[in-house]
Amino acid sequence: MGLRSKKYKFLLFFGLTGVLLQSYLFIYGCSAPANFPAPAGKALYSAKCASCHRLLPPQDYTGDLWKDYVIKYGEQMTELQRQELLNYLQKNASPDM
């Protein structure tokens, strides 16, 4: 009976350890890091576009329409800023219809 008892304790210990490890990984391993930096395009969108109007969710328009808006209203931005902004908006835009 001593061998069976040791085997039972061994299985119980590693079984509980496995459950606790899986629980920990599920809770903490699936959450995004708190200090994950926002994309440059999103920061530009907030800084440049919100100075004139409320920010619309990028998925409200298609990528082609966002391109037209960036060309029309992005005159005071550098070419690099316009491209970063456009990349962000088109990546998050609604699918073309």
N, C-alpha and C. Protein backbone atom coordinates (compact mmCIF):
# COMPACT_ATOMS: atom_id res chain seq x y z
N MET A 1 0.82 -1.21 0.00
CA MET A 1 0.00 0.00 0.00
C MET A 1 0.86 1.26 0.00
N GLY A 2 2.11 1.18 0.46
CA GLY A 2 2.99 2.33 0.51
C GLY A 2 3.34 2.84 -0.88
N LEU A 3 3.56 1.94 -1.83
CA LEU A 3 3.91 2.33 -3.20
C LEU A 3 2.73 3.00 -3.89
N ARG A 4 1.53 2.48 -3.66
CA ARG A 4 0.33 3.06 -4.26
C ARG A 4 0.10 4.47 -3.70
N SER A 5 0.35 4.66 -2.42
CA SER A 5 0.16 5.95 -1.79
C SER A 5 1.15 6.97 -2.35
N LYS A 6 2.39 6.58 -2.58
CA LYS A 6 3.40 7.49 -3.14
C LYS A 6 3.03 7.87 -4.57
N LYS A 7 2.56 6.88 -5.34
CA LYS A 7 2.17 7.14 -6.72
C LYS A 7 0.99 8.12 -6.75
N TYR A 8 0.04 7.93 -5.84
CA TYR A 8 -1.12 8.81 -5.76
C TYR A 8 -0.69 10.24 -5.43
N LYS A 9 0.19 10.41 -4.45
CA LYS A 9 0.67 11.74 -4.06
C LYS A 9 1.43 12.39 -5.21
N PHE A 10 2.23 11.60 -5.92
CA PHE A 10 2.99 12.11 -7.06
C PHE A 10 2.04 12.64 -8.14
N LEU A 11 1.05 11.84 -8.49
CA LEU A 11 0.09 12.25 -9.52
C LEU A 11 -0.74 13.45 -9.07
N LEU A 12 -1.13 13.46 -7.82
CA LEU A 12 -1.91 14.58 -7.29
C LEU A 12 -1.10 15.87 -7.32
N PHE A 13 0.16 15.79 -6.89
CA PHE A 13 1.02 16.97 -6.86
C PHE A 13 1.21 17.54 -8.27
N PHE A 14 1.59 16.72 -9.23
CA PHE A 14 1.83 17.21 -10.58
C PHE A 14 0.54 17.58 -11.30
N GLY A 15 -0.54 16.93 -10.97
CA GLY A 15 -1.82 17.30 -11.54
C GLY A 15 -2.25 18.69 -11.10
N LEU A 16 -2.13 18.94 -9.79
CA LEU A 16 -2.48 20.27 -9.27
C LEU A 16 -1.52 21.35 -9.78
N THR A 17 -0.24 20.99 -9.87
CA THR A 17 0.74 21.94 -10.40
C THR A 17 0.39 22.31 -11.84
N GLY A 18 0.00 21.33 -12.62
CA GLY A 18 -0.39 21.60 -14.00
C GLY A 18 -1.60 22.49 -14.11
N VAL A 19 -2.59 22.25 -13.28
CA VAL A 19 -3.80 23.08 -13.29
C VAL A 19 -3.47 24.51 -12.89
N LEU A 20 -2.65 24.67 -11.87
CA LEU A 20 -2.27 26.02 -11.44
C LEU A 20 -1.46 26.74 -12.51
N LEU A 21 -0.55 26.05 -13.15
CA LEU A 21 0.25 26.66 -14.21
C LEU A 21 -0.63 27.06 -15.39
N GLN A 22 -1.56 26.22 -15.78
CA GLN A 22 -2.46 26.56 -16.88
C GLN A 22 -3.33 27.76 -16.53
N SER A 23 -3.80 27.81 -15.29
CA SER A 23 -4.61 28.94 -14.86
C SER A 23 -3.81 30.23 -14.91
N TYR A 24 -2.58 30.17 -14.41
CA TYR A 24 -1.73 31.36 -14.43
C TYR A 24 -1.49 31.83 -15.86
N LEU A 25 -1.13 30.91 -16.74
CA LEU A 25 -0.88 31.28 -18.13
C LEU A 25 -2.12 31.82 -18.83
N PHE A 26 -3.27 31.27 -18.49
CA PHE A 26 -4.50 31.76 -19.09
C PHE A 26 -4.80 33.18 -18.65
N ILE A 27 -4.63 33.45 -17.37
CA ILE A 27 -4.96 34.77 -16.84
C ILE A 27 -3.92 35.81 -17.24
N TYR A 28 -2.64 35.50 -17.06
CA TYR A 28 -1.60 36.50 -17.28
C TYR A 28 -0.94 36.38 -18.65
N GLY A 29 -0.97 35.23 -19.24
CA GLY A 29 -0.30 35.05 -20.53
C GLY A 29 -1.11 35.57 -21.69
N CYS A 30 -2.40 35.76 -21.52
CA CYS A 30 -3.26 36.20 -22.62
C CYS A 30 -3.52 37.69 -22.60
N SER A 31 -3.06 38.39 -21.60
CA SER A 31 -3.33 39.82 -21.54
C SER A 31 -2.22 40.58 -22.24
N ALA A 32 -2.59 41.68 -22.87
CA ALA A 32 -1.62 42.51 -23.58
C ALA A 32 -0.76 43.26 -22.57
N PRO A 33 0.50 43.51 -22.90
CA PRO A 33 1.34 44.28 -22.00
C PRO A 33 0.79 45.69 -21.82
N ALA A 34 0.87 46.20 -20.62
CA ALA A 34 0.30 47.51 -20.31
C ALA A 34 1.07 48.64 -20.98
N ASN A 35 2.35 48.45 -21.25
CA ASN A 35 3.16 49.52 -21.80
C ASN A 35 3.45 49.33 -23.29
N PHE A 36 2.57 48.62 -23.98
CA PHE A 36 2.76 48.40 -25.41
C PHE A 36 2.54 49.73 -26.14
N PRO A 37 3.52 50.19 -26.91
CA PRO A 37 3.38 51.51 -27.55
C PRO A 37 2.33 51.50 -28.66
N ALA A 38 1.64 52.60 -28.78
CA ALA A 38 0.66 52.76 -29.86
C ALA A 38 1.40 52.97 -31.17
N PRO A 39 0.80 52.53 -32.28
CA PRO A 39 1.44 52.77 -33.58
C PRO A 39 1.60 54.26 -33.85
N ALA A 40 2.63 54.60 -34.61
CA ALA A 40 2.90 56.01 -34.92
C ALA A 40 1.72 56.64 -35.65
N GLY A 41 1.08 55.87 -36.53
CA GLY A 41 -0.07 56.40 -37.27
C GLY A 41 -1.23 56.76 -36.36
N LYS A 42 -1.44 55.96 -35.34
CA LYS A 42 -2.54 56.25 -34.40
C LYS A 42 -2.23 57.53 -33.62
N ALA A 43 -0.98 57.71 -33.22
CA ALA A 43 -0.60 58.93 -32.50
C ALA A 43 -0.76 60.16 -33.40
N LEU A 44 -0.37 60.02 -34.67
CA LEU A 44 -0.57 61.12 -35.61
C LEU A 44 -2.04 61.43 -35.80
N TYR A 45 -2.84 60.39 -35.91
CA TYR A 45 -4.28 60.57 -36.09
C TYR A 45 -4.86 61.36 -34.92
N SER A 46 -4.47 60.99 -33.72
CA SER A 46 -4.97 61.71 -32.54
C SER A 46 -4.45 63.14 -32.49
N ALA A 47 -3.17 63.33 -32.78
CA ALA A 47 -2.56 64.66 -32.65
C ALA A 47 -2.98 65.61 -33.77
N LYS A 48 -2.97 65.15 -34.99
CA LYS A 48 -3.20 66.05 -36.12
C LYS A 48 -4.68 66.22 -36.46
N CYS A 49 -5.43 65.14 -36.45
CA CYS A 49 -6.81 65.22 -36.93
C CYS A 49 -7.78 65.72 -35.85
N ALA A 50 -7.49 65.41 -34.60
CA ALA A 50 -8.40 65.83 -33.53
C ALA A 50 -8.33 67.33 -33.26
N SER A 51 -7.34 68.00 -33.82
CA SER A 51 -7.26 69.45 -33.61
C SER A 51 -8.37 70.18 -34.37
N CYS A 52 -8.96 69.52 -35.38
CA CYS A 52 -10.02 70.16 -36.18
C CYS A 52 -11.40 69.52 -36.00
N HIS A 53 -11.44 68.24 -35.68
CA HIS A 53 -12.74 67.56 -35.57
C HIS A 53 -12.62 66.35 -34.66
N ARG A 54 -13.76 65.77 -34.33
CA ARG A 54 -13.73 64.56 -33.51
C ARG A 54 -13.17 63.42 -34.34
N LEU A 55 -12.52 62.49 -33.67
CA LEU A 55 -11.93 61.36 -34.38
C LEU A 55 -12.98 60.31 -34.70
N LEU A 56 -13.01 59.91 -35.94
CA LEU A 56 -13.91 58.86 -36.38
C LEU A 56 -13.17 57.54 -36.36
N PRO A 57 -13.84 56.46 -36.02
CA PRO A 57 -13.17 55.16 -36.07
C PRO A 57 -12.69 54.88 -37.49
N PRO A 58 -11.46 54.39 -37.65
CA PRO A 58 -10.95 54.12 -39.00
C PRO A 58 -11.84 53.19 -39.81
N GLN A 59 -12.54 52.29 -39.15
CA GLN A 59 -13.39 51.33 -39.87
C GLN A 59 -14.68 51.96 -40.40
N ASP A 60 -14.88 53.26 -40.15
CA ASP A 60 -16.05 53.94 -40.70
C ASP A 60 -15.92 54.21 -42.20
N TYR A 61 -14.70 54.18 -42.72
CA TYR A 61 -14.48 54.47 -44.13
C TYR A 61 -13.59 53.41 -44.76
N THR A 62 -13.60 53.35 -46.07
CA THR A 62 -12.73 52.41 -46.78
C THR A 62 -11.33 53.00 -46.89
N GLY A 63 -10.38 52.17 -47.25
CA GLY A 63 -9.00 52.63 -47.41
C GLY A 63 -8.85 53.69 -48.49
N ASP A 64 -9.60 53.54 -49.58
CA ASP A 64 -9.53 54.53 -50.66
C ASP A 64 -10.06 55.89 -50.23
N LEU A 65 -11.12 55.88 -49.46
CA LEU A 65 -11.67 57.15 -48.97
C LEU A 65 -10.71 57.82 -47.99
N TRP A 66 -10.07 57.01 -47.12
CA TRP A 66 -9.08 57.57 -46.20
C TRP A 66 -7.93 58.20 -46.98
N LYS A 67 -7.53 57.58 -48.07
CA LYS A 67 -6.44 58.13 -48.88
C LYS A 67 -6.82 59.50 -49.41
N ASP A 68 -8.04 59.62 -49.91
CA ASP A 68 -8.52 60.92 -50.41
C ASP A 68 -8.50 61.97 -49.31
N TYR A 69 -8.94 61.61 -48.11
CA TYR A 69 -8.97 62.55 -46.99
C TYR A 69 -7.56 62.97 -46.57
N VAL A 70 -6.64 62.03 -46.52
CA VAL A 70 -5.26 62.36 -46.12
C VAL A 70 -4.63 63.29 -47.15
N ILE A 71 -4.87 63.05 -48.43
CA ILE A 71 -4.34 63.92 -49.47
C ILE A 71 -4.95 65.33 -49.34
N LYS A 72 -6.25 65.37 -49.13
CA LYS A 72 -6.96 66.66 -49.08
C LYS A 72 -6.63 67.47 -47.82
N TYR A 73 -6.60 66.82 -46.66
CA TYR A 73 -6.46 67.55 -45.40
C TYR A 73 -5.08 67.43 -44.75
N GLY A 74 -4.19 66.66 -45.32
CA GLY A 74 -2.88 66.46 -44.70
C GLY A 74 -1.79 67.35 -45.26
N GLU A 75 -2.16 68.50 -45.77
CA GLU A 75 -1.19 69.38 -46.42
C GLU A 75 -0.11 69.89 -45.47
N GLN A 76 -0.42 70.02 -44.20
CA GLN A 76 0.55 70.57 -43.26
C GLN A 76 1.44 69.50 -42.64
N MET A 77 1.27 68.26 -43.05
CA MET A 77 2.11 67.18 -42.55
C MET A 77 3.22 66.89 -43.54
N THR A 78 4.29 66.30 -43.04
CA THR A 78 5.36 65.87 -43.94
C THR A 78 4.88 64.64 -44.70
N GLU A 79 5.61 64.30 -45.76
CA GLU A 79 5.25 63.11 -46.54
C GLU A 79 5.32 61.85 -45.68
N LEU A 80 6.32 61.77 -44.82
CA LEU A 80 6.45 60.61 -43.93
C LEU A 80 5.28 60.52 -42.96
N GLN A 81 4.86 61.66 -42.42
CA GLN A 81 3.70 61.66 -41.52
C GLN A 81 2.44 61.23 -42.25
N ARG A 82 2.25 61.75 -43.45
CA ARG A 82 1.06 61.37 -44.23
C ARG A 82 1.05 59.86 -44.50
N GLN A 83 2.22 59.31 -44.83
CA GLN A 83 2.30 57.88 -45.13
C GLN A 83 2.04 57.04 -43.88
N GLU A 84 2.60 57.45 -42.73
CA GLU A 84 2.34 56.73 -41.47
C GLU A 84 0.85 56.77 -41.13
N LEU A 85 0.25 57.94 -41.27
CA LEU A 85 -1.16 58.10 -40.98
C LEU A 85 -2.01 57.25 -41.92
N LEU A 86 -1.70 57.30 -43.19
CA LEU A 86 -2.45 56.53 -44.18
C LEU A 86 -2.30 55.03 -43.95
N ASN A 87 -1.11 54.58 -43.62
CA ASN A 87 -0.90 53.16 -43.32
C ASN A 87 -1.79 52.72 -42.16
N TYR A 88 -1.84 53.52 -41.11
CA TYR A 88 -2.67 53.19 -39.95
C TYR A 88 -4.15 53.14 -40.34
N LEU A 89 -4.61 54.17 -41.04
CA LEU A 89 -6.03 54.25 -41.38
C LEU A 89 -6.44 53.14 -42.33
N GLN A 90 -5.61 52.86 -43.33
CA GLN A 90 -5.98 51.79 -44.28
C GLN A 90 -5.90 50.42 -43.65
N LYS A 91 -4.98 50.21 -42.75
CA LYS A 91 -4.88 48.91 -42.07
C LYS A 91 -6.14 48.64 -41.24
N ASN A 92 -6.71 49.70 -40.70
CA ASN A 92 -7.89 49.56 -39.83
C ASN A 92 -9.20 49.95 -40.50
N ALA A 93 -9.16 50.22 -41.79
CA ALA A 93 -10.36 50.65 -42.52
C ALA A 93 -11.32 49.51 -42.75
N SER A 94 -12.53 49.87 -43.13
CA SER A 94 -13.50 48.83 -43.49
C SER A 94 -13.10 48.24 -44.83
N PRO A 95 -13.48 47.01 -45.08
CA PRO A 95 -13.17 46.41 -46.39
C PRO A 95 -13.84 47.19 -47.51
N ASP A 96 -13.18 47.22 -48.66
CA ASP A 96 -13.77 47.88 -49.82
C ASP A 96 -15.07 47.19 -50.19
N MET A 97 -16.03 48.01 -50.58
CA MET A 97 -17.34 47.44 -50.92
C MET A 97 -17.49 47.30 -52.41
